Amino acid sequence: MTLTARQKQAINTKQHIFETAMEIFSKKNFDQVTINEICKASGVSTGAFYHYFQSKEHLLLEEYNRVDKFLLNAT
């Protein structure tokens, strides 16, 4: 299946938000990080954040899912 330019952009935006958030979480306590901080650092609007993730907690769920996939593929 070939992705459209818009689909590729959406994947890249979600990935960028995720990576930015993980970087911030590695430097600060999870509870101290705000969604506004993640949005500002990743250069997206709050609406864009909520389009891809329901909450900060869903960012962590995304990380757990990625680790699970990695571990399943590694065995």
PDB file of N, CA and C in Angstrom:
ATOM      1  N   MET A   1       0.836  -1.178   0.000  1.00  0.00           N
ATOM      2  CA  MET A   1       0.000   0.000   0.000  1.00  0.00           C
ATOM      3  C   MET A   1       0.886   1.249   0.000  1.00  0.00           C
ATOM      4  N   THR A   2       0.624   2.155  -0.889  1.00  0.00           N
ATOM      5  CA  THR A   2       1.372   3.396  -0.980  1.00  0.00           C
ATOM      6  C   THR A   2       0.666   4.480  -0.181  1.00  0.00           C
ATOM      7  N   LEU A   3       1.441   5.185   0.618  1.00  0.00           N
ATOM      8  CA  LEU A   3       0.876   6.270   1.422  1.00  0.00           C
ATOM      9  C   LEU A   3       0.874   7.565   0.628  1.00  0.00           C
ATOM     10  N   THR A   4      -0.140   8.381   0.882  1.00  0.00           N
ATOM     11  CA  THR A   4      -0.181   9.702   0.268  1.00  0.00           C
ATOM     12  C   THR A   4       0.771  10.626   1.018  1.00  0.00           C
ATOM     13  N   ALA A   5       1.053  11.766   0.441  1.00  0.00           N
ATOM     14  CA  ALA A   5       1.919  12.750   1.099  1.00  0.00           C
ATOM     15  C   ALA A   5       1.317  13.175   2.438  1.00  0.00           C
ATOM     16  N   ARG A   6       0.010  13.323   2.482  1.00  0.00           N
ATOM     17  CA  ARG A   6      -0.668  13.729   3.720  1.00  0.00           C
ATOM     18  C   ARG A   6      -0.534  12.648   4.797  1.00  0.00           C
ATOM     19  N   GLN A   7      -0.670  11.387   4.409  1.00  0.00           N
ATOM     20  CA  GLN A   7      -0.526  10.296   5.366  1.00  0.00           C
ATOM     21  C   GLN A   7       0.896  10.221   5.914  1.00  0.00           C
ATOM     22  N   LYS A   8       1.871  10.414   5.048  1.00  0.00           N
ATOM     23  CA  LYS A   8       3.269  10.430   5.483  1.00  0.00           C
ATOM     24  C   LYS A   8       3.518  11.579   6.446  1.00  0.00           C
ATOM     25  N   GLN A   9       2.943  12.750   6.139  1.00  0.00           N
ATOM     26  CA  GLN A   9       3.104  13.912   7.014  1.00  0.00           C
ATOM     27  C   GLN A   9       2.479  13.633   8.379  1.00  0.00           C
ATOM     28  N   ALA A  10       1.313  13.010   8.400  1.00  0.00           N
ATOM     29  CA  ALA A  10       0.649  12.692   9.659  1.00  0.00           C
ATOM     30  C   ALA A  10       1.490  11.732  10.499  1.00  0.00           C
ATOM     31  N   ILE A  11       2.059  10.733   9.868  1.00  0.00           N
ATOM     32  CA  ILE A  11       2.922   9.780  10.574  1.00  0.00           C
ATOM     33  C   ILE A  11       4.141  10.496  11.143  1.00  0.00           C
ATOM     34  N   ASN A  12       4.732  11.364  10.350  1.00  0.00           N
ATOM     35  CA  ASN A  12       5.908  12.114  10.803  1.00  0.00           C
ATOM     36  C   ASN A  12       5.572  13.057  11.947  1.00  0.00           C
ATOM     37  N   THR A  13       4.409  13.707  11.878  1.00  0.00           N
ATOM     38  CA  THR A  13       3.994  14.626  12.940  1.00  0.00           C
ATOM     39  C   THR A  13       3.790  13.864  14.246  1.00  0.00           C
ATOM     40  N   LYS A  14       3.089  12.744  14.183  1.00  0.00           N
ATOM     41  CA  LYS A  14       2.854  11.945  15.386  1.00  0.00           C
ATOM     42  C   LYS A  14       4.182  11.473  15.972  1.00  0.00           C
ATOM     43  N   GLN A  15       5.066  11.011  15.123  1.00  0.00           N
ATOM     44  CA  GLN A  15       6.385  10.548  15.572  1.00  0.00           C
ATOM     45  C   GLN A  15       7.176  11.688  16.222  1.00  0.00           C
ATOM     46  N   HIS A  16       7.111  12.865  15.617  1.00  0.00           N
ATOM     47  CA  HIS A  16       7.836  14.019  16.153  1.00  0.00           C
ATOM     48  C   HIS A  16       7.306  14.405  17.537  1.00  0.00           C
ATOM     49  N   ILE A  17       5.994  14.443  17.689  1.00  0.00           N
ATOM     50  CA  ILE A  17       5.399  14.751  18.997  1.00  0.00           C
ATOM     51  C   ILE A  17       5.860  13.716  20.017  1.00  0.00           C
ATOM     52  N   PHE A  18       5.779  12.451  19.643  1.00  0.00           N
ATOM     53  CA  PHE A  18       6.156  11.366  20.536  1.00  0.00           C
ATOM     54  C   PHE A  18       7.622  11.479  20.966  1.00  0.00           C
ATOM     55  N   GLU A  19       8.509  11.646  20.011  1.00  0.00           N
ATOM     56  CA  GLU A  19       9.941  11.727  20.318  1.00  0.00           C
ATOM     57  C   GLU A  19      10.261  12.942  21.183  1.00  0.00           C
ATOM     58  N   THR A  20       9.618  14.061  20.883  1.00  0.00           N
ATOM     59  CA  THR A  20       9.827  15.270  21.680  1.00  0.00           C
ATOM     60  C   THR A  20       9.374  15.043  23.116  1.00  0.00           C
ATOM     61  N   ALA A  21       8.219  14.442  23.278  1.00  0.00           N
ATOM     62  CA  ALA A  21       7.696  14.173  24.621  1.00  0.00           C
ATOM     63  C   ALA A  21       8.623  13.231  25.383  1.00  0.00           C
ATOM     64  N   MET A  22       9.108  12.183  24.729  1.00  0.00           N
ATOM     65  CA  MET A  22       9.991  11.234  25.412  1.00  0.00           C
ATOM     66  C   MET A  22      11.291  11.916  25.851  1.00  0.00           C
ATOM     67  N   GLU A  23      11.763  12.823  25.028  1.00  0.00           N
ATOM     68  CA  GLU A  23      12.973  13.570  25.388  1.00  0.00           C
ATOM     69  C   GLU A  23      12.717  14.437  26.616  1.00  0.00           C
ATOM     70  N   ILE A  24      11.582  15.107  26.647  1.00  0.00           N
ATOM     71  CA  ILE A  24      11.249  15.949  27.798  1.00  0.00           C
ATOM     72  C   ILE A  24      11.064  15.088  29.044  1.00  0.00           C
ATOM     73  N   PHE A  25      10.366  13.946  28.894  1.00  0.00           N
ATOM     74  CA  PHE A  25      10.151  13.055  30.036  1.00  0.00           C
ATOM     75  C   PHE A  25      11.463  12.521  30.593  1.00  0.00           C
ATOM     76  N   SER A  26      12.469  12.393  29.758  1.00  0.00           N
ATOM     77  CA  SER A  26      13.754  11.886  30.242  1.00  0.00           C
ATOM     78  C   SER A  26      14.490  12.923  31.082  1.00  0.00           C
ATOM     79  N   LYS A  27      14.073  14.181  30.956  1.00  0.00           N
ATOM     80  CA  LYS A  27      14.748  15.257  31.686  1.00  0.00           C
ATOM     81  C   LYS A  27      13.954  15.767  32.879  1.00  0.00           C
ATOM     82  N   LYS A  28      12.638  15.564  32.844  1.00  0.00           N
ATOM     83  CA  LYS A  28      11.777  16.085  33.897  1.00  0.00           C
ATOM     84  C   LYS A  28      10.824  14.995  34.370  1.00  0.00           C
ATOM     85  N   ASN A  29      10.332  15.158  35.568  1.00  0.00           N
ATOM     86  CA  ASN A  29       9.334  14.258  36.113  1.00  0.00           C
ATOM     87  C   ASN A  29       8.066  14.330  35.258  1.00  0.00           C
ATOM     88  N   PHE A  30       7.466  13.183  34.992  1.00  0.00           N
ATOM     89  CA  PHE A  30       6.269  13.107  34.157  1.00  0.00           C
ATOM     90  C   PHE A  30       5.202  14.101  34.607  1.00  0.00           C
ATOM     91  N   ASP A  31       4.967  14.192  35.906  1.00  0.00           N
ATOM     92  CA  ASP A  31       3.926  15.069  36.434  1.00  0.00           C
ATOM     93  C   ASP A  31       4.243  16.548  36.245  1.00  0.00           C
ATOM     94  N   GLN A  32       5.495  16.882  36.047  1.00  0.00           N
ATOM     95  CA  GLN A  32       5.888  18.279  35.856  1.00  0.00           C
ATOM     96  C   GLN A  32       5.743  18.736  34.410  1.00  0.00           C
ATOM     97  N   VAL A  33       5.606  17.812  33.498  1.00  0.00           N
ATOM     98  CA  VAL A  33       5.525  18.142  32.076  1.00  0.00           C
ATOM     99  C   VAL A  33       4.074  18.423  31.704  1.00  0.00           C
ATOM    100  N   THR A  34       3.870  19.504  30.971  1.00  0.00           N
ATOM    101  CA  THR A  34       2.515  19.839  30.514  1.00  0.00           C
ATOM    102  C   THR A  34       2.376  19.556  29.023  1.00  0.00           C
ATOM    103  N   ILE A  35       1.157  19.381  28.616  1.00  0.00           N
ATOM    104  CA  ILE A  35       0.895  19.186  27.191  1.00  0.00           C
ATOM    105  C   ILE A  35       1.311  20.437  26.423  1.00  0.00           C
ATOM    106  N   ASN A  36       1.076  21.597  26.993  1.00  0.00           N
ATOM    107  CA  ASN A  36       1.504  22.838  26.336  1.00  0.00           C
ATOM    108  C   ASN A  36       3.016  22.856  26.122  1.00  0.00           C
ATOM    109  N   GLU A  37       3.765  22.353  27.085  1.00  0.00           N
ATOM    110  CA  GLU A  37       5.221  22.291  26.954  1.00  0.00           C
ATOM    111  C   GLU A  37       5.623  21.354  25.807  1.00  0.00           C
ATOM    112  N   ILE A  38       4.967  20.213  25.737  1.00  0.00           N
ATOM    113  CA  ILE A  38       5.245  19.266  24.655  1.00  0.00           C
ATOM    114  C   ILE A  38       4.921  19.897  23.306  1.00  0.00           C
ATOM    115  N   CYS A  39       3.780  20.577  23.230  1.00  0.00           N
ATOM    116  CA  CYS A  39       3.358  21.217  21.977  1.00  0.00           C
ATOM    117  C   CYS A  39       4.341  22.298  21.552  1.00  0.00           C
ATOM    118  N   LYS A  40       4.737  23.119  22.500  1.00  0.00           N
ATOM    119  CA  LYS A  40       5.675  24.199  22.184  1.00  0.00           C
ATOM    120  C   LYS A  40       7.003  23.639  21.693  1.00  0.00           C
ATOM    121  N   ALA A  41       7.507  22.630  22.391  1.00  0.00           N
ATOM    122  CA  ALA A  41       8.800  22.046  22.024  1.00  0.00           C
ATOM    123  C   ALA A  41       8.748  21.332  20.677  1.00  0.00           C
ATOM    124  N   SER A  42       7.608  20.764  20.347  1.00  0.00           N
ATOM    125  CA  SER A  42       7.499  20.038  19.080  1.00  0.00           C
ATOM    126  C   SER A  42       6.952  20.909  17.955  1.00  0.00           C
ATOM    127  N   GLY A  43       6.548  22.133  18.273  1.00  0.00           N
ATOM    128  CA  GLY A  43       6.092  23.060  17.249  1.00  0.00           C
ATOM    129  C   GLY A  43       4.731  22.730  16.663  1.00  0.00           C
ATOM    130  N   VAL A  44       3.855  22.154  17.490  1.00  0.00           N
ATOM    131  CA  VAL A  44       2.503  21.843  17.031  1.00  0.00           C
ATOM    132  C   VAL A  44       1.477  22.500  17.942  1.00  0.00           C
ATOM    133  N   SER A  45       0.268  22.605  17.452  1.00  0.00           N
ATOM    134  CA  SER A  45      -0.812  23.172  18.255  1.00  0.00           C
ATOM    135  C   SER A  45      -1.328  22.132  19.244  1.00  0.00           C
ATOM    136  N   THR A  46      -2.030  22.610  20.253  1.00  0.00           N
ATOM    137  CA  THR A  46      -2.638  21.698  21.217  1.00  0.00           C
ATOM    138  C   THR A  46      -3.640  20.785  20.515  1.00  0.00           C
ATOM    139  N   GLY A  47      -4.363  21.348  19.559  1.00  0.00           N
ATOM    140  CA  GLY A  47      -5.315  20.546  18.795  1.00  0.00           C
ATOM    141  C   GLY A  47      -4.640  19.421  18.040  1.00  0.00           C
ATOM    142  N   ALA A  48      -3.470  19.701  17.481  1.00  0.00           N
ATOM    143  CA  ALA A  48      -2.721  18.662  16.770  1.00  0.00           C
ATOM    144  C   ALA A  48      -2.291  17.569  17.746  1.00  0.00           C
ATOM    145  N   PHE A  49      -1.844  17.971  18.928  1.00  0.00           N
ATOM    146  CA  PHE A  49      -1.469  16.975  19.940  1.00  0.00           C
ATOM    147  C   PHE A  49      -2.638  16.041  20.203  1.00  0.00           C
ATOM    148  N   TYR A  50      -3.817  16.626  20.473  1.00  0.00           N
ATOM    149  CA  TYR A  50      -4.984  15.811  20.806  1.00  0.00           C
ATOM    150  C   TYR A  50      -5.516  15.016  19.619  1.00  0.00           C
ATOM    151  N   HIS A  51      -5.156  15.393  18.432  1.00  0.00           N
ATOM    152  CA  HIS A  51      -5.520  14.599  17.258  1.00  0.00           C
ATOM    153  C   HIS A  51      -4.790  13.255  17.289  1.00  0.00           C
ATOM    154  N   TYR A  52      -3.561  13.253  17.759  1.00  0.00           N
ATOM    155  CA  TYR A  52      -2.733  12.047  17.764  1.00  0.00           C
ATOM    156  C   TYR A  52      -2.723  11.302  19.091  1.00  0.00           C
ATOM    157  N   PHE A  53      -2.875  12.027  20.190  1.00  0.00           N
ATOM    158  CA  PHE A  53      -2.816  11.420  21.524  1.00  0.00           C
ATOM    159  C   PHE A  53      -3.932  11.984  22.390  1.00  0.00           C
ATOM    160  N   GLN A  54      -4.582  11.120  23.162  1.00  0.00           N
ATOM    161  CA  GLN A  54      -5.678  11.571  24.014  1.00  0.00           C
ATOM    162  C   GLN A  54      -5.189  12.310  25.259  1.00  0.00           C
ATOM    163  N   SER A  55      -3.953  11.989  25.685  1.00  0.00           N
ATOM    164  CA  SER A  55      -3.422  12.580  26.911  1.00  0.00           C
ATOM    165  C   SER A  55      -1.931  12.279  27.005  1.00  0.00           C
ATOM    166  N   LYS A  56      -1.286  12.818  28.038  1.00  0.00           N
ATOM    167  CA  LYS A  56       0.120  12.487  28.290  1.00  0.00           C
ATOM    168  C   LYS A  56       0.264  11.001  28.566  1.00  0.00           C
ATOM    169  N   GLU A  57      -0.702  10.445  29.269  1.00  0.00           N
ATOM    170  CA  GLU A  57      -0.649   9.029  29.603  1.00  0.00           C
ATOM    171  C   GLU A  57      -0.644   8.153  28.348  1.00  0.00           C
ATOM    172  N   HIS A  58      -1.327   8.612  27.310  1.00  0.00           N
ATOM    173  CA  HIS A  58      -1.348   7.843  26.068  1.00  0.00           C
ATOM    174  C   HIS A  58       0.017   7.845  25.365  1.00  0.00           C
ATOM    175  N   LEU A  59       0.818   8.850  25.632  1.00  0.00           N
ATOM    176  CA  LEU A  59       2.193   8.825  25.129  1.00  0.00           C
ATOM    177  C   LEU A  59       2.957   7.656  25.760  1.00  0.00           C
ATOM    178  N   LEU A  60       2.747   7.446  27.048  1.00  0.00           N
ATOM    179  CA  LEU A  60       3.408   6.324  27.721  1.00  0.00           C
ATOM    180  C   LEU A  60       2.882   4.988  27.209  1.00  0.00           C
ATOM    181  N   LEU A  61       1.575   4.908  26.966  1.00  0.00           N
ATOM    182  CA  LEU A  61       1.015   3.687  26.399  1.00  0.00           C
ATOM    183  C   LEU A  61       1.623   3.396  25.032  1.00  0.00           C
ATOM    184  N   GLU A  62       1.843   4.448  24.257  1.00  0.00           N
ATOM    185  CA  GLU A  62       2.492   4.290  22.951  1.00  0.00           C
ATOM    186  C   GLU A  62       3.896   3.717  23.123  1.00  0.00           C
ATOM    187  N   GLU A  63       4.620   4.202  24.108  1.00  0.00           N
ATOM    188  CA  GLU A  63       5.969   3.689  24.368  1.00  0.00           C
ATOM    189  C   GLU A  63       5.915   2.219  24.775  1.00  0.00           C
ATOM    190  N   TYR A  64       4.992   1.870  25.654  1.00  0.00           N
ATOM    191  CA  TYR A  64       4.857   0.474  26.061  1.00  0.00           C
ATOM    192  C   TYR A  64       4.516  -0.413  24.860  1.00  0.00           C
ATOM    193  N   ASN A  65       3.633   0.056  23.996  1.00  0.00           N
ATOM    194  CA  ASN A  65       3.274  -0.714  22.795  1.00  0.00           C
ATOM    195  C   ASN A  65       4.479  -0.913  21.890  1.00  0.00           C
ATOM    196  N   ARG A  66       5.291   0.107  21.744  1.00  0.00           N
ATOM    197  CA  ARG A  66       6.484  -0.006  20.906  1.00  0.00           C
ATOM    198  C   ARG A  66       7.480  -1.000  21.493  1.00  0.00           C
ATOM    199  N   VAL A  67       7.639  -0.963  22.798  1.00  0.00           N
ATOM    200  CA  VAL A  67       8.550  -1.906  23.454  1.00  0.00           C
ATOM    201  C   VAL A  67       8.018  -3.327  23.289  1.00  0.00           C
ATOM    202  N   ASP A  68       6.712  -3.505  23.475  1.00  0.00           N
ATOM    203  CA  ASP A  68       6.115  -4.838  23.302  1.00  0.00           C
ATOM    204  C   ASP A  68       6.352  -5.364  21.880  1.00  0.00           C
ATOM    205  N   LYS A  69       6.120  -4.522  20.888  1.00  0.00           N
ATOM    206  CA  LYS A  69       6.345  -4.941  19.499  1.00  0.00           C
ATOM    207  C   LYS A  69       7.807  -5.316  19.270  1.00  0.00           C
ATOM    208  N   PHE A  70       8.689  -4.509  19.814  1.00  0.00           N
ATOM    209  CA  PHE A  70      10.125  -4.791  19.664  1.00  0.00           C
ATOM    210  C   PHE A  70      10.468  -6.145  20.262  1.00  0.00           C
ATOM    211  N   LEU A  71       9.982  -6.381  21.476  1.00  0.00           N
ATOM    212  CA  LEU A  71      10.289  -7.635  22.164  1.00  0.00           C
ATOM    213  C   LEU A  71       9.679  -8.835  21.441  1.00  0.00           C
ATOM    214  N   LEU A  72       8.497  -8.666  20.903  1.00  0.00           N
ATOM    215  CA  LEU A  72       7.866  -9.766  20.160  1.00  0.00           C
ATOM    216  C   LEU A  72       8.647 -10.084  18.893  1.00  0.00           C
ATOM    217  N   ASN A  73       9.146  -9.072  18.236  1.00  0.00           N
ATOM    218  CA  ASN A  73       9.900  -9.266  17.000  1.00  0.00           C
ATOM    219  C   ASN A  73      11.313  -9.771  17.259  1.00  0.00           C
ATOM    220  N   ALA A  74      11.825  -9.524  18.462  1.00  0.00           N
ATOM    221  CA  ALA A  74      13.190  -9.924  18.794  1.00  0.00           C
ATOM    222  C   ALA A  74      13.289 -11.413  19.127  1.00  0.00           C
ATOM    223  N   THR A  75      12.143 -12.015  19.437  1.00  0.00           N
ATOM    224  CA  THR A  75      12.171 -13.440  19.816  1.00  0.00           C
ATOM    225  C   THR A  75      11.837 -14.343  18.671  1.00  0.00           C
TER     226      THR A  75
END
